[in-house]
Every structure is written in structure tokens, then in C-alpha cells.
Amino acid sequence: QVRPVESGGGLVQAGESLTLLCEISQSAMNTITVGWFRGGRYEFVAHIKANGVDTAYADSVKSRFTISRDDAKNTESLEMQNLKPKDTAVYYCNYKSFWGRGTQVTVSS
């Protein structure tokens, strides 16, 4: 299993929260940058570098989304708060050239 596997998507109302999970079967996960993208154009959402400290966020999600990782469990999380209808999309996890199949997030107004 090289492809990351996403989970945690769902249907919520505006203002609510969701946490997405990305599982990676990568023996050296602590050496890679892991990121989230969304939509058909794979809009950048956030990433976290191998050191687990350096992160980056799209302006549209800053202060609402938090990315983190647990290398011992080979997982990476995207905590999303105060969700808005414009956050509706399929969210994809990525590392190196590998992409997951995505998890759907739908936010109703």
C-alpha cells in the first residue's frame, strides 16, 4: 500500500468542525512532507514538513484549519473548524507523487 488513504469526510453545517485523517504506509514517514489539496483543480490547502513543525496553509483556511502528524501511527490529520460552504470539496492527501482517492466534505449553509 503506497497510496495514502483518507477518511473523516462528511456532511456538516456551516460553523461546525471535521477532522480528516490520512494514513500512509511509508516506513520513513518522518522524512516526507505531507499535504492536503482539494477540488478538481487540486487547490493547495495545507502541508506539514518532515520535522513536524513547519507548516503552511492557504490563506482561505488560515486560522480555521490545523495540520498535524503522528509518525508513530503513520497518520496525518487536518482539523477543520468553522467550516464554510466554500470549503465543500473532495479533499486529497498527498506525499511525493502519491495521491489518495479523496474524502468528500460537504458544508451546508
Protein backbone atom coordinates (compact mmCIF):
# COMPACT_ATOMS: atom_id res chain seq x y z
CA GLN A 1 0.00 0.00 0.00
CA VAL A 2 1.72 3.13 -1.24
CA ARG A 3 -1.31 5.31 -1.91
CA PRO A 4 -2.38 7.35 1.13
CA VAL A 5 -5.85 6.64 2.46
CA GLU A 6 -8.10 9.48 3.58
CA SER A 7 -11.04 9.30 5.94
CA GLY A 8 -13.19 11.56 8.07
CA GLY A 9 -15.18 13.44 5.48
CA GLY A 10 -18.89 14.02 5.81
CA LEU A 11 -21.80 16.41 5.72
CA VAL A 12 -21.85 19.22 8.28
CA GLN A 13 -23.49 22.58 8.72
CA ALA A 14 -21.65 25.86 8.42
CA GLY A 15 -19.72 26.64 11.57
CA GLU A 16 -19.19 23.01 12.52
CA SER A 17 -15.95 21.03 12.56
CA LEU A 18 -14.46 17.94 10.97
CA THR A 19 -11.13 16.18 11.26
CA LEU A 20 -9.70 14.41 8.25
CA LEU A 21 -7.20 11.61 8.65
CA CYS A 22 -4.56 10.45 6.20
CA GLU A 23 -2.93 7.06 6.68
CA ILE A 24 0.37 6.41 4.95
CA SER A 25 2.11 3.06 4.76
CA GLN A 26 5.52 4.59 4.48
CA SER A 27 8.35 3.26 6.55
CA ALA A 28 10.16 6.59 6.56
CA MET A 29 7.18 8.86 7.10
CA ASN A 30 9.25 11.13 9.28
CA THR A 31 11.31 12.09 6.23
CA ILE A 32 8.49 13.33 3.99
CA THR A 33 6.26 16.35 3.62
CA VAL A 34 2.56 15.51 3.65
CA GLY A 35 -0.08 17.80 2.26
CA TRP A 36 -3.80 18.27 1.67
CA PHE A 37 -5.37 19.51 -1.52
CA ARG A 38 -8.98 19.88 -2.55
CA GLY A 39 -11.26 20.00 -5.54
CA GLY A 40 -10.90 19.11 -9.17
CA ARG A 41 -8.01 21.52 -9.59
CA TYR A 42 -6.22 20.20 -6.52
CA GLU A 43 -6.17 23.52 -4.72
CA PHE A 44 -3.48 23.61 -2.05
CA VAL A 45 -4.90 23.54 1.48
CA ALA A 46 -2.02 22.82 3.86
CA HIS A 47 1.14 20.84 4.34
CA ILE A 48 3.41 19.78 7.14
CA LYS A 49 7.09 19.10 6.70
CA ALA A 50 9.09 16.13 7.89
CA ASN A 51 10.17 17.87 11.07
CA GLY A 52 6.54 18.01 12.17
CA VAL A 53 6.90 21.69 12.99
CA ASP A 54 6.98 23.63 9.74
CA THR A 55 3.53 24.05 8.27
CA ALA A 56 1.89 26.12 5.56
CA TYR A 57 -1.74 26.99 4.87
CA ALA A 58 -3.75 28.50 2.08
CA ASP A 59 -4.96 31.99 3.01
CA SER A 60 -8.56 30.79 2.74
CA VAL A 61 -8.13 28.31 5.60
CA LYS A 62 -5.60 30.00 7.87
CA SER A 63 -6.75 30.26 11.49
CA ARG A 64 -9.50 27.70 10.82
CA PHE A 65 -7.56 24.57 9.81
CA THR A 66 -4.75 22.87 11.70
CA ILE A 67 -2.49 20.18 10.25
CA SER A 68 -0.57 17.76 12.42
CA ARG A 69 1.14 14.39 12.19
CA ASP A 70 1.77 11.30 14.29
CA ASP A 71 4.70 9.47 12.73
CA ALA A 72 4.44 6.62 15.22
CA LYS A 73 0.98 5.86 13.83
CA ASN A 74 1.85 6.83 10.24
CA THR A 75 -1.04 9.26 10.21
CA GLU A 76 -1.55 12.91 9.47
CA SER A 77 -4.60 14.93 10.44
CA LEU A 78 -6.34 18.03 9.20
CA GLU A 79 -8.56 19.57 11.84
CA MET A 80 -11.09 21.89 10.23
CA GLN A 81 -13.07 24.35 12.32
CA ASN A 82 -15.70 26.93 11.49
CA LEU A 83 -16.37 25.26 8.16
CA LYS A 84 -17.96 27.30 5.40
CA PRO A 85 -19.93 26.22 2.32
CA LYS A 86 -16.95 27.24 0.17
CA ASP A 87 -14.92 24.52 1.88
CA THR A 88 -17.10 21.92 0.18
CA ALA A 89 -14.85 19.69 -1.95
CA VAL A 90 -13.15 16.34 -2.19
CA TYR A 91 -10.02 16.52 -0.03
CA TYR A 92 -6.92 14.63 -1.11
CA CYS A 93 -3.84 13.64 0.86
CA ASN A 94 -0.50 13.73 -0.92
CA TYR A 95 3.12 12.84 -0.35
CA LYS A 96 5.83 12.74 -3.01
CA SER A 97 3.99 11.66 -6.19
CA PHE A 98 1.33 9.63 -4.37
CA TRP A 99 -2.27 10.74 -4.05
CA GLY A 100 -5.15 9.27 -2.14
CA ARG A 101 -8.61 8.76 -3.62
CA GLY A 102 -10.03 11.59 -1.56
CA THR A 103 -12.74 12.08 1.03
CA GLN A 104 -15.81 14.24 0.43
CA VAL A 105 -16.51 17.22 2.68
CA THR A 106 -19.85 18.94 2.26
CA VAL A 107 -20.79 22.03 4.22
CA SER A 108 -24.39 23.19 4.10
CA SER A 109 -25.43 26.77 4.78
